[in-house]
């Protein structure tokens, strides 16, 4: 990948990158879709978090992209405005509870099997080989990654997908990603314009919880669509820049039964939210620098799930790409995630996840790195990232932090809005039941729309919070970016993974704020893409 160094743009110009230099031979073969017949439900919060059961009335039908958004894109590139700055992270995240970034155990240390049922991890599956290398605009959703997962009734599948596309067409092309289970769209979805002369490379993410109701094989797909109102160009699907990962959790009558089945339970969470660097990519092309790093203590046979976020900041030096990857030592264990950071959008938050099978006892070095491609680089946003590892250890071990005791996908919302300069707005607030010391893994997502006819960019930020008695007990790093007339839509997400403090938590809240110097435009919020998925790990209840 490459972008071209240019002087600071004038207010009427975008920075223009060079075309992609990593285009590979495109494979037009399309993976066939197979339906297993398994009946799946997305777990609704009121039924699952409070009572630990699957509730009917799930979000079984995500609206089509055309139904949710105008499929057309803006032809004329109009810049945003650099007059406002990214929201101060100090206004959003209380990082004090996680500043030490050390692993903690929330589990019982009693080696004797408890009598209570436990829901333990039985498998992690991944497809990291893209089935197609290009997608034609206006051809509908195309499967890029797929997995067939044999399940038992009552299994819970935690699904995460990432797809990255590159647009070499001269005008913007809109991409959208979704997860499909046996032909039914589930979980979150996201969409954004890929702009040749600005962002160029564009990653998108989606998450889902699927609770199965029968013994069967569930066919899961991560799908991508592209759209433009006046043409049907093809976009490149980047190999090694995406995947589909499925964690499979199963209910056992006891911990000893889970141990006999070779299952794993959560032992610790290790987290770093303090930036190791203030800039990246300034020392040469593709020089990687660790932005966050951890070294959880692990044992052979463990399974590690890793999540990362980094946020780049445009600087007056010019326009470069923001590259991001998760590594253990010199080995990359998750997909790349890349997007250019132009002046018009100011900041670019990137995310990725990975899983790793541990083969030796000791401290496991993990880092998420940032790099540019032309030596210009950029700044690193303070409070805009993290690196988090969940250690799942065999249920037969002596120290077990917990099983999956509650899980929830908040209901689909009606469309809404955020008025710029009006302060923080609650987008989703969902009741949860996290006891003191429980582990919480949560993601909040939203999709914002730029107001038609407004000519400038608008800075928008989200954060995901845990509440206890109405007070914020912890918060995620912020995700912040400008939504511009050419970008048109802006997906923002927030990951929050940690051991909750002594107060526990009784609610998860996704909040957003938008700002614009000299005006107060209204930013639309697409309800079907605004969700909170929460999982709670703890001692059997």
Protein backbone atom coordinates (compact mmCIF):
# COMPACT_ATOMS: atom_id res chain seq x y z
CA UNK A 1 0.00 0.00 0.00
CA UNK A 2 1.16 3.50 -0.60
CA UNK A 3 0.12 7.09 -0.47
CA UNK A 4 1.80 10.16 -1.88
CA UNK A 5 3.36 12.85 0.24
CA UNK A 6 1.88 16.29 -0.49
CA UNK A 7 2.04 19.67 1.19
CA UNK A 8 -0.73 20.63 3.57
CA UNK A 9 -3.88 20.89 1.44
CA UNK A 10 -5.65 24.12 0.82
CA UNK A 11 -9.24 24.27 2.13
CA UNK A 12 -10.62 23.35 -1.30
CA UNK A 13 -8.53 20.25 -1.98
CA UNK A 14 -8.17 16.66 -0.82
CA UNK A 15 -4.81 14.98 -0.56
CA UNK A 16 -4.38 12.45 -3.37
CA UNK A 17 -2.67 9.10 -2.75
CA UNK A 18 -0.99 6.97 -5.34
CA UNK A 19 -2.94 3.94 -6.58
CA UNK A 20 -2.52 0.78 -4.53
CA UNK A 21 0.79 -0.97 -5.15
CA UNK A 22 -0.26 -4.26 -3.60
CA UNK A 23 -2.96 -5.32 -6.07
CA UNK A 24 -2.89 -9.05 -6.55
CA UNK A 25 -4.47 -11.28 -9.17
CA UNK A 26 -8.21 -11.19 -8.56
CA UNK A 27 -10.06 -14.44 -8.02
CA UNK A 28 -13.63 -14.32 -9.24
CA UNK A 29 -14.58 -17.62 -7.65
CA UNK A 30 -17.45 -17.16 -5.21
CA UNK A 31 -17.94 -19.43 -2.25
CA UNK A 32 -21.38 -21.05 -2.41
CA UNK A 33 -23.83 -20.37 0.38
CA UNK A 34 -25.14 -23.45 2.20
CA UNK A 35 -27.97 -23.50 4.70
CA UNK A 36 -27.82 -26.15 7.35
CA UNK A 37 -31.37 -25.81 8.56
CA UNK A 38 -30.33 -25.01 12.13
CA UNK A 39 -32.67 -22.48 13.70
CA UNK A 40 -30.68 -19.66 15.29
CA UNK A 41 -31.66 -16.74 17.44
CA UNK A 42 -29.82 -13.60 18.42
CA UNK A 43 -29.94 -13.33 22.18
CA UNK A 44 -32.07 -10.40 23.31
CA UNK A 45 -30.81 -8.50 26.34
CA UNK A 46 -33.91 -8.61 28.54
CA UNK A 47 -34.12 -12.38 28.28
CA UNK A 48 -30.46 -13.32 28.44
CA UNK A 49 -28.70 -10.88 30.73
CA UNK A 50 -31.34 -11.06 33.40
CA UNK A 51 -32.33 -14.72 33.18
CA UNK A 52 -29.61 -16.46 31.20
CA UNK A 53 -31.99 -17.72 28.49
CA UNK A 54 -32.64 -17.15 24.81
CA UNK A 55 -35.55 -14.83 24.21
CA UNK A 56 -37.65 -14.86 21.07
CA UNK A 57 -38.26 -11.75 19.02
CA UNK A 58 -34.67 -11.48 17.83
CA UNK A 59 -33.23 -9.22 15.19
CA UNK A 60 -33.65 -11.70 12.37
CA UNK A 61 -33.82 -9.21 9.52
CA UNK A 62 -31.25 -6.49 9.09
CA UNK A 63 -32.60 -4.03 6.52
CA UNK A 64 -30.93 -4.08 3.15
CA UNK A 65 -28.29 -1.44 2.55
CA UNK A 66 -30.58 0.39 0.12
CA UNK A 67 -33.38 0.41 2.69
CA UNK A 68 -31.17 1.88 5.38
CA UNK A 69 -29.10 4.29 3.30
CA UNK A 70 -29.31 6.15 0.04
CA UNK A 71 -27.12 4.03 -2.27
CA UNK A 72 -25.84 7.10 -4.15
CA UNK A 73 -22.57 8.83 -3.30
CA UNK A 74 -21.41 12.39 -3.60
CA UNK A 75 -19.56 13.01 -6.86
CA UNK A 76 -17.70 16.15 -5.88
CA UNK A 77 -15.13 15.79 -3.13
CA UNK A 78 -15.77 18.55 -0.62
CA UNK A 79 -13.40 18.76 2.32
CA UNK A 80 -14.21 18.82 5.97
CA UNK A 81 -12.89 21.57 8.16
CA UNK A 82 -9.93 21.36 10.47
CA UNK A 83 -11.25 24.13 12.66
CA UNK A 84 -12.36 21.75 15.41
CA UNK A 85 -10.28 19.12 17.11
CA UNK A 86 -10.91 15.59 18.31
CA UNK A 87 -12.86 15.41 21.55
CA UNK A 88 -10.61 15.33 24.58
CA UNK A 89 -10.30 11.76 25.81
CA UNK A 90 -10.26 13.01 29.37
CA UNK A 91 -13.95 13.87 29.02
CA UNK A 92 -14.88 10.30 28.26
CA UNK A 93 -12.71 7.55 29.71
CA UNK A 94 -11.86 6.86 33.30
CA UNK A 95 -8.67 4.94 32.72
CA UNK A 96 -7.59 4.94 36.34
CA UNK A 97 -9.18 1.56 37.03
CA UNK A 98 -7.07 -0.10 34.35
CA UNK A 99 -3.90 2.00 34.37
CA UNK A 100 -1.75 -0.78 35.74
CA UNK A 101 -2.77 -2.99 32.79
CA UNK A 102 -2.09 -6.16 34.69
CA UNK A 103 -3.78 -9.53 34.51
CA UNK A 104 -6.27 -10.22 37.27
CA UNK A 105 -8.07 -13.35 38.31
CA UNK A 106 -11.75 -13.13 39.13
CA UNK A 107 -12.21 -16.79 39.80
CA UNK A 108 -12.42 -19.28 42.46
CA UNK A 109 -9.15 -20.99 43.37
CA UNK A 110 -10.90 -24.12 44.60
CA UNK A 111 -9.75 -26.99 42.39
CA UNK A 112 -12.80 -29.11 43.26
CA UNK A 113 -15.50 -29.03 40.55
CA UNK A 114 -18.47 -26.86 41.47
CA UNK A 115 -21.93 -28.34 41.29
CA UNK A 116 -23.31 -25.44 39.29
CA UNK A 117 -23.61 -25.58 35.47
CA UNK A 118 -20.88 -23.78 33.53
CA UNK A 119 -20.79 -22.46 29.97
CA UNK A 120 -17.26 -23.04 28.70
CA UNK A 121 -15.34 -22.43 25.49
CA UNK A 122 -15.16 -25.60 23.38
CA UNK A 123 -13.66 -24.33 20.11
CA UNK A 124 -12.29 -21.32 18.25
CA UNK A 125 -12.69 -21.39 14.46
CA UNK A 126 -11.26 -18.97 11.90
CA UNK A 127 -11.45 -18.39 8.16
CA UNK A 128 -8.73 -15.94 7.11
CA UNK A 129 -8.64 -16.80 3.40
CA UNK A 130 -10.79 -14.49 1.28
CA UNK A 131 -13.04 -16.43 -1.10
CA UNK A 132 -13.14 -13.52 -3.57
CA UNK A 133 -10.58 -10.90 -4.48
CA UNK A 134 -13.00 -8.35 -5.90
CA UNK A 135 -16.62 -7.32 -5.52
CA UNK A 136 -18.64 -5.50 -8.19
CA UNK A 137 -20.73 -2.56 -7.07
CA UNK A 138 -24.51 -3.04 -7.05
CA UNK A 139 -24.20 -6.86 -7.19
CA UNK A 140 -25.51 -7.37 -3.66
CA UNK A 141 -23.80 -8.97 -0.67
CA UNK A 142 -21.03 -11.42 -1.53
CA UNK A 143 -19.56 -14.00 0.91
CA UNK A 144 -15.90 -13.25 1.62
CA UNK A 145 -15.26 -15.55 4.61
CA UNK A 146 -17.32 -18.56 5.72
CA UNK A 147 -17.33 -21.28 8.38
CA UNK A 148 -19.45 -24.36 9.02
CA UNK A 149 -19.71 -24.87 12.78
CA UNK A 150 -21.20 -28.11 14.19
CA UNK A 151 -23.24 -27.14 17.25
CA UNK A 152 -25.41 -28.58 19.96
CA UNK A 153 -28.66 -27.06 21.12
CA UNK A 154 -27.87 -24.27 23.57
CA UNK A 155 -24.42 -23.43 22.22
CA UNK A 156 -23.56 -19.74 22.04
CA UNK A 157 -21.44 -18.49 19.15
CA UNK A 158 -19.55 -15.22 19.51
CA UNK A 159 -18.76 -14.07 15.99
CA UNK A 160 -16.38 -11.34 14.85
CA UNK A 161 -15.75 -10.33 11.22
CA UNK A 162 -13.40 -7.93 9.46
CA UNK A 163 -13.20 -7.17 5.73
CA UNK A 164 -11.00 -4.57 4.05
CA UNK A 165 -11.58 -3.21 0.55
CA UNK A 166 -9.57 -0.85 -1.65
CA UNK A 167 -11.21 1.54 -4.12
CA UNK A 168 -9.19 2.46 -7.21
CA UNK A 169 -12.21 3.96 -8.95
CA UNK A 170 -12.03 7.74 -9.37
CA UNK A 171 -15.22 8.38 -7.37
CA UNK A 172 -16.35 7.14 -3.96
CA UNK A 173 -17.76 3.62 -3.65
CA UNK A 174 -19.77 2.62 -0.60
CA UNK A 175 -18.96 -0.65 1.14
CA UNK A 176 -21.02 -2.51 3.72
CA UNK A 177 -20.30 -5.59 5.84
CA UNK A 178 -22.65 -7.96 7.66
CA UNK A 179 -22.67 -11.40 9.31
CA UNK A 180 -25.14 -14.03 8.10
CA UNK A 181 -26.06 -17.24 9.97
CA UNK A 182 -27.90 -19.83 7.88
CA UNK A 183 -29.05 -17.13 5.51
CA UNK A 184 -30.23 -14.69 8.20
CA UNK A 185 -28.40 -11.42 8.93
CA UNK A 186 -27.40 -11.24 12.62
CA UNK A 187 -25.62 -8.81 14.91
CA UNK A 188 -24.09 -5.50 13.96
CA UNK A 189 -23.32 -4.14 10.50
CA UNK A 190 -21.35 -1.18 9.21
CA UNK A 191 -20.89 0.90 6.07
CA UNK A 192 -18.66 3.68 4.75
CA UNK A 193 -17.54 5.22 1.47
CA UNK A 194 -14.09 4.22 0.24
CA UNK A 195 -12.62 7.30 -1.42
CA UNK A 196 -9.82 6.85 -3.95
CA UNK A 197 -8.22 10.25 -3.38
CA UNK A 198 -8.53 10.19 0.42
CA UNK A 199 -9.06 7.04 2.51
CA UNK A 200 -8.44 4.61 -0.36
CA UNK A 201 -8.18 1.48 1.83
CA UNK A 202 -11.21 0.86 4.05
CA UNK A 203 -11.69 -1.80 6.75
CA UNK A 204 -15.13 -2.62 8.15
CA UNK A 205 -16.12 -4.72 11.17
CA UNK A 206 -19.16 -6.63 12.45
CA UNK A 207 -20.04 -8.61 15.59
CA UNK A 208 -22.77 -11.08 16.51
CA UNK A 209 -24.03 -13.42 19.21
CA UNK A 210 -25.86 -16.50 17.95
CA UNK A 211 -27.62 -18.92 20.32
CA UNK A 212 -28.46 -22.27 18.74
CA UNK A 213 -31.65 -24.19 19.39
CA UNK A 214 -30.87 -27.56 17.77
CA UNK A 215 -28.03 -29.98 17.11
CA UNK A 216 -26.94 -29.02 13.60
CA UNK A 217 -24.25 -27.34 11.54
CA UNK A 218 -24.51 -23.55 11.39
CA UNK A 219 -23.20 -21.90 8.23
CA UNK A 220 -21.74 -18.47 8.97
CA UNK A 221 -20.60 -15.89 6.43
CA UNK A 222 -18.95 -12.48 6.54
CA UNK A 223 -20.36 -10.67 3.52
CA UNK A 224 -19.40 -7.49 1.67
CA UNK A 225 -21.40 -5.34 -0.71
CA UNK A 226 -20.36 -2.31 -2.73
CA UNK A 227 -22.58 0.38 -4.20
CA UNK A 228 -22.59 3.48 -6.37
CA UNK A 229 -25.62 5.11 -7.98
CA UNK A 230 -24.17 5.95 -11.41
CA UNK A 231 -21.68 3.13 -12.10
CA UNK A 232 -20.75 -0.41 -11.10
CA UNK A 233 -16.97 -0.48 -10.60
CA UNK A 234 -15.18 -3.34 -8.89
CA UNK A 235 -13.37 -2.91 -5.59
CA UNK A 236 -10.45 -4.99 -4.38
CA UNK A 237 -10.90 -7.32 -1.40
CA UNK A 238 -7.61 -7.32 0.49
CA UNK A 239 -6.18 -10.72 1.36
CA UNK A 240 -4.59 -10.96 4.85
CA UNK A 241 -6.64 -7.91 5.87
CA UNK A 242 -9.70 -9.66 7.24
CA UNK A 243 -11.17 -12.83 8.71
CA UNK A 244 -14.15 -14.48 10.36
CA UNK A 245 -13.61 -15.80 13.91
CA UNK A 246 -16.12 -17.85 15.91
CA UNK A 247 -15.87 -18.71 19.60
CA UNK A 248 -18.13 -21.60 20.57
CA UNK A 249 -19.37 -21.74 24.17
CA UNK A 250 -21.28 -24.78 25.50
CA UNK A 251 -23.28 -25.38 28.67
CA UNK A 252 -22.05 -28.24 30.86
CA UNK A 253 -23.66 -29.66 33.99
CA UNK A 254 -20.49 -29.06 36.00
CA UNK A 255 -16.93 -27.88 35.73
CA UNK A 256 -15.73 -31.50 35.83
CA UNK A 257 -17.89 -32.29 32.82
CA UNK A 258 -16.42 -29.29 30.99
CA UNK A 259 -12.92 -30.47 31.93
CA UNK A 260 -13.64 -33.96 30.61
CA UNK A 261 -14.73 -32.41 27.30
CA UNK A 262 -11.45 -30.48 27.03
CA UNK A 263 -13.16 -27.09 27.33
CA UNK A 264 -11.62 -23.79 28.48
CA UNK A 265 -12.74 -21.13 30.95
CA UNK A 266 -11.66 -17.52 31.31
CA UNK A 267 -8.68 -17.19 33.64
CA UNK A 268 -7.56 -13.57 33.27
CA UNK A 269 -7.83 -10.33 31.34
CA UNK A 270 -4.72 -8.26 30.62
CA UNK A 271 -5.10 -4.75 29.26
CA UNK A 272 -2.96 -1.78 28.21
CA UNK A 273 -4.57 1.61 27.58
CA UNK A 274 -1.44 3.75 27.87
CA UNK A 275 0.19 4.72 24.57
CA UNK A 276 3.84 3.70 24.18
CA UNK A 277 4.37 6.27 21.40
CA UNK A 278 3.19 9.76 20.45
CA UNK A 279 3.95 9.46 16.73
CA UNK A 280 4.40 6.65 14.22
CA UNK A 281 5.73 6.08 10.74
CA UNK A 282 8.15 8.99 10.67
CA UNK A 283 11.37 6.98 10.46
CA UNK A 284 10.76 5.24 7.14
CA UNK A 285 8.36 3.28 5.00
CA UNK A 286 6.55 0.42 6.76
CA UNK A 287 8.59 0.67 9.96
CA UNK A 288 6.38 -0.84 12.68
CA UNK A 289 6.32 0.60 16.20
CA UNK A 290 4.44 -0.85 19.17
CA UNK A 291 1.62 1.44 20.26
CA UNK A 292 0.40 -0.79 23.13
CA UNK A 293 2.04 -3.89 24.58
CA UNK A 294 1.30 -6.54 27.22
CA UNK A 295 2.81 -9.86 28.37
CA UNK A 296 0.17 -12.04 30.04
CA UNK A 297 1.40 -15.09 31.93
CA UNK A 298 0.13 -18.17 30.09
CA UNK A 299 0.45 -21.94 30.10
CA UNK A 300 0.71 -24.51 27.34
CA UNK A 301 -2.76 -25.43 26.16
CA UNK A 302 -4.29 -22.00 26.78
CA UNK A 303 -6.29 -20.15 24.15
CA UNK A 304 -5.76 -16.39 23.89
CA UNK A 305 -8.21 -13.90 22.36
CA UNK A 306 -6.67 -10.51 21.59
CA UNK A 307 -8.37 -7.21 20.72
CA UNK A 308 -6.71 -3.96 19.70
CA UNK A 309 -7.50 -0.37 18.71
CA UNK A 310 -5.17 2.39 17.53
CA UNK A 311 -6.04 5.91 16.39
CA UNK A 312 -3.91 7.96 14.02
CA UNK A 313 -3.89 11.78 13.89
CA UNK A 314 -3.24 13.85 10.75
CA UNK A 315 -0.33 16.24 11.12
CA UNK A 316 0.86 19.23 9.11
CA UNK A 317 3.65 17.05 7.66
CA UNK A 318 1.12 15.60 5.23
CA UNK A 319 -0.84 12.54 4.28
CA UNK A 320 0.22 8.98 5.07
CA UNK A 321 -1.43 5.63 5.67
CA UNK A 322 -2.29 4.30 9.13
CA UNK A 323 -1.30 0.64 9.31
CA UNK A 324 -2.12 -1.58 12.29
CA UNK A 325 -1.38 -5.21 13.24
CA UNK A 326 -1.28 -7.52 16.27
CA UNK A 327 1.99 -9.37 16.85
CA UNK A 328 3.56 -11.81 19.26
CA UNK A 329 7.25 -11.18 18.84
CA UNK A 330 7.76 -10.91 15.06
CA UNK A 331 4.76 -13.10 14.22
CA UNK A 332 1.53 -11.40 13.16
CA UNK A 333 -1.45 -13.26 14.62
CA UNK A 334 -4.35 -11.21 13.29
CA UNK A 335 -5.24 -9.46 10.04
CA UNK A 336 -3.74 -6.17 8.99
CA UNK A 337 -6.00 -3.15 9.26
CA UNK A 338 -5.17 -0.04 7.19
CA UNK A 339 -6.68 3.27 6.15
CA UNK A 340 -5.17 6.54 4.96
CA UNK A 341 -5.42 9.52 7.30
CA UNK A 342 -6.31 12.62 5.22
CA UNK A 343 -6.79 16.13 6.50
CA UNK A 344 -10.54 16.02 5.91
CA UNK A 345 -11.20 13.37 8.59
CA UNK A 346 -8.36 14.23 11.00
CA UNK A 347 -8.29 10.93 12.92
CA UNK A 348 -8.64 7.27 11.92
CA UNK A 349 -9.49 4.63 14.55
CA UNK A 350 -8.57 1.08 13.49
CA UNK A 351 -9.48 -2.21 15.16
CA UNK A 352 -8.43 -5.83 14.89
CA UNK A 353 -8.70 -9.09 16.79
CA UNK A 354 -6.76 -12.36 16.86
CA UNK A 355 -6.62 -15.73 18.57
CA UNK A 356 -3.57 -17.75 19.53
CA UNK A 357 -3.00 -21.32 20.72
CA UNK A 358 -0.34 -21.27 23.47
CA UNK A 359 2.36 -23.96 23.24
CA UNK A 360 4.67 -23.04 26.14
CA UNK A 361 4.47 -21.75 29.71
CA UNK A 362 5.64 -18.21 30.46
CA UNK A 363 4.95 -14.58 29.60
CA UNK A 364 3.48 -14.14 26.11
CA UNK A 365 4.68 -10.87 24.49
CA UNK A 366 1.87 -9.15 22.59
CA UNK A 367 1.87 -5.79 20.82
CA UNK A 368 -0.26 -3.82 18.42
CA UNK A 369 1.93 -1.89 16.02
CA UNK A 370 1.41 1.18 13.84
CA UNK A 371 3.20 2.04 10.59
CA UNK A 372 3.04 4.34 7.60
CA UNK A 373 4.20 3.72 4.04
CA UNK A 374 6.06 6.84 2.90
CA UNK A 375 7.85 8.07 6.00
CA UNK A 376 5.46 10.93 6.81
CA UNK A 377 3.55 9.03 9.48
CA UNK A 378 1.27 10.80 11.91
CA UNK A 379 0.34 11.36 15.51
CA UNK A 380 -1.14 8.86 17.96
CA UNK A 381 -4.33 9.94 19.72
CA UNK A 382 -4.06 9.70 23.51
CA UNK A 383 -6.99 7.73 24.94
CA UNK A 384 -7.87 6.36 21.52
CA UNK A 385 -6.69 2.80 21.76
CA UNK A 386 -5.94 -0.34 23.76
CA UNK A 387 -4.54 -3.85 23.61
CA UNK A 388 -6.44 -6.50 25.54
CA UNK A 389 -5.93 -10.26 25.91
CA UNK A 390 -8.39 -12.77 27.36
CA UNK A 391 -6.71 -15.93 28.58
CA UNK A 392 -8.87 -19.05 28.39
CA UNK A 393 -7.32 -21.96 30.28
CA UNK A 394 -8.40 -25.63 30.42
CA UNK A 395 -11.31 -26.19 32.78
CA UNK A 396 -9.22 -28.88 34.46
CA UNK A 397 -6.80 -26.23 35.76
CA UNK A 398 -6.54 -25.08 39.36
CA UNK A 399 -7.42 -21.41 38.71
CA UNK A 400 -10.55 -20.61 36.75
CA UNK A 401 -11.91 -17.09 36.58
CA UNK A 402 -15.26 -17.93 35.18
CA UNK A 403 -17.64 -19.20 32.58
CA UNK A 404 -19.94 -17.24 30.30
CA UNK A 405 -22.71 -16.50 32.80
CA UNK A 406 -24.69 -13.92 30.81
CA UNK A 407 -24.77 -12.65 27.26
CA UNK A 408 -26.88 -10.14 25.41
CA UNK A 409 -27.44 -8.27 22.17
CA UNK A 410 -29.39 -5.07 22.83
CA UNK A 411 -32.58 -4.69 20.75
CA UNK A 412 -32.58 -2.83 17.44
CA UNK A 413 -33.35 0.87 17.87
CA UNK A 414 -35.31 3.38 15.84
CA UNK A 415 -33.29 5.90 13.84
CA UNK A 416 -32.21 8.97 15.80
CA UNK A 417 -29.89 11.95 15.63
CA UNK A 418 -27.16 13.91 17.38
CA UNK A 419 -27.19 17.70 17.21
CA UNK A 420 -23.64 19.02 17.02
CA UNK A 421 -22.42 21.00 20.05
CA UNK A 422 -25.28 19.69 22.23
CA UNK A 423 -23.14 17.51 24.50
CA UNK A 424 -23.08 13.77 25.02
CA UNK A 425 -26.11 11.79 23.86
CA UNK A 426 -27.04 8.28 24.99
CA UNK A 427 -27.35 6.02 21.95
CA UNK A 428 -27.90 2.68 23.75
CA UNK A 429 -28.36 1.91 27.43
CA UNK A 430 -28.96 -1.72 28.36
CA UNK A 431 -29.33 -3.41 31.76
CA UNK A 432 -26.68 -6.00 32.64
CA UNK A 433 -25.82 -8.00 35.74
CA UNK A 434 -22.06 -7.96 36.34
CA UNK A 435 -20.98 -8.86 39.85
CA UNK A 436 -17.82 -7.40 41.40
CA UNK A 437 -14.79 -8.98 39.76
CA UNK A 438 -16.65 -10.43 36.77
CA UNK A 439 -15.03 -10.11 33.36
CA UNK A 440 -16.94 -8.07 30.81
CA UNK A 441 -16.44 -8.12 27.05
CA UNK A 442 -18.59 -5.55 25.27
CA UNK A 443 -18.74 -3.74 21.96
CA UNK A 444 -20.89 -0.75 21.06
CA UNK A 445 -21.44 0.29 17.46
CA UNK A 446 -23.26 3.03 15.59
CA UNK A 447 -23.57 4.37 12.05
CA UNK A 448 -23.80 8.14 11.58
CA UNK A 449 -24.98 10.03 8.49
CA UNK A 450 -23.78 13.44 7.29
CA UNK A 451 -26.60 16.01 6.92
CA UNK A 452 -27.55 16.58 3.28
CA UNK A 453 -26.61 20.05 2.08
CA UNK A 454 -24.11 20.80 4.84
CA UNK A 455 -20.75 21.52 3.22
CA UNK A 456 -18.32 20.88 6.06
CA UNK A 457 -17.05 17.97 8.12
CA UNK A 458 -18.39 17.22 11.59
CA UNK A 459 -16.28 15.67 14.36
CA UNK A 460 -18.04 12.74 16.08
CA UNK A 461 -16.93 10.52 18.98
CA UNK A 462 -18.32 7.49 20.82
CA UNK A 463 -17.43 5.73 24.06
CA UNK A 464 -18.87 2.66 25.80
CA UNK A 465 -19.41 2.88 29.56
CA UNK A 466 -20.25 0.51 32.40
CA UNK A 467 -22.57 1.95 35.05
CA UNK A 468 -23.28 0.98 38.65
CA UNK A 469 -26.15 2.82 40.30
CA UNK A 470 -26.06 5.43 37.55
CA UNK A 471 -22.37 6.23 38.02
CA UNK A 472 -19.70 5.43 35.44
CA UNK A 473 -17.34 2.77 36.83
CA UNK A 474 -15.30 2.27 33.65
CA UNK A 475 -15.23 3.43 30.04
CA UNK A 476 -13.72 2.35 26.76
CA UNK A 477 -11.16 4.28 24.76
CA UNK A 478 -12.83 6.78 22.48
CA UNK A 479 -13.39 6.28 18.76
CA UNK A 480 -13.38 9.61 16.93
CA UNK A 481 -13.45 10.70 13.29
CA UNK A 482 -14.92 13.39 11.03
CA UNK A 483 -18.00 12.53 8.97
CA UNK A 484 -17.72 14.55 5.75
CA UNK A 485 -19.95 15.22 2.73
CA UNK A 486 -17.92 12.76 0.65
CA UNK A 487 -17.63 10.13 3.37
CA UNK A 488 -21.44 10.45 3.82
CA UNK A 489 -21.71 7.73 6.49
CA UNK A 490 -19.44 7.02 9.44
CA UNK A 491 -19.27 3.74 11.40
CA UNK A 492 -17.91 4.15 14.93
CA UNK A 493 -17.31 1.36 17.44
CA UNK A 494 -16.02 1.05 20.99
CA UNK A 495 -14.52 -2.06 22.61
CA UNK A 496 -14.60 -2.42 26.39
CA UNK A 497 -12.99 -5.55 27.85
CA UNK A 498 -11.97 -5.64 31.50
CA UNK A 499 -12.53 -6.99 34.98
CA UNK A 500 -15.16 -4.81 36.61
CA UNK A 501 -14.32 -3.25 39.95
CA UNK A 502 -15.76 -3.72 43.42
CA UNK A 503 -19.07 -2.07 42.53
CA UNK A 504 -19.85 -4.45 39.67
CA UNK A 505 -22.04 -3.01 36.89
CA UNK A 506 -25.77 -2.90 36.22
CA UNK A 507 -25.85 -1.18 32.80
CA UNK A 508 -23.85 -0.70 29.61
CA UNK A 509 -24.20 2.63 27.83
CA UNK A 510 -22.98 3.74 24.41
CA UNK A 511 -22.72 7.52 24.18
CA UNK A 512 -21.92 9.81 21.26
CA UNK A 513 -21.07 13.45 20.75
CA UNK A 514 -20.58 15.59 17.63
CA UNK A 515 -19.10 19.06 17.27
CA UNK A 516 -18.70 21.70 14.58
CA UNK A 517 -17.21 25.14 14.99
CA UNK A 518 -19.56 27.89 13.81
CA UNK A 519 -22.63 25.69 13.21
CA UNK A 520 -24.80 23.06 14.88
CA UNK A 521 -25.85 20.59 12.16
CA UNK A 522 -27.83 17.44 12.92
CA UNK A 523 -26.07 14.11 12.36
CA UNK A 524 -28.33 11.14 11.70
CA UNK A 525 -28.03 7.90 13.72
CA UNK A 526 -29.06 4.66 11.97
CA UNK A 527 -30.83 2.59 14.59
CA UNK A 528 -30.34 -0.86 13.04
CA UNK A 529 -26.56 -0.38 13.17
CA UNK A 530 -26.53 1.03 16.72
CA UNK A 531 -26.07 -1.87 19.10
CA UNK A 532 -24.43 -3.04 22.31
CA UNK A 533 -23.27 -6.66 22.58
CA UNK A 534 -22.25 -7.66 26.11
CA UNK A 535 -20.84 -10.86 27.60
CA UNK A 536 -20.20 -11.44 31.30
CA UNK A 537 -17.75 -14.05 32.60
CA UNK A 538 -17.67 -15.08 36.23
CA UNK A 539 -18.08 -17.88 38.77
CA UNK A 540 -21.06 -20.14 38.08
CA UNK A 541 -24.29 -18.63 39.34
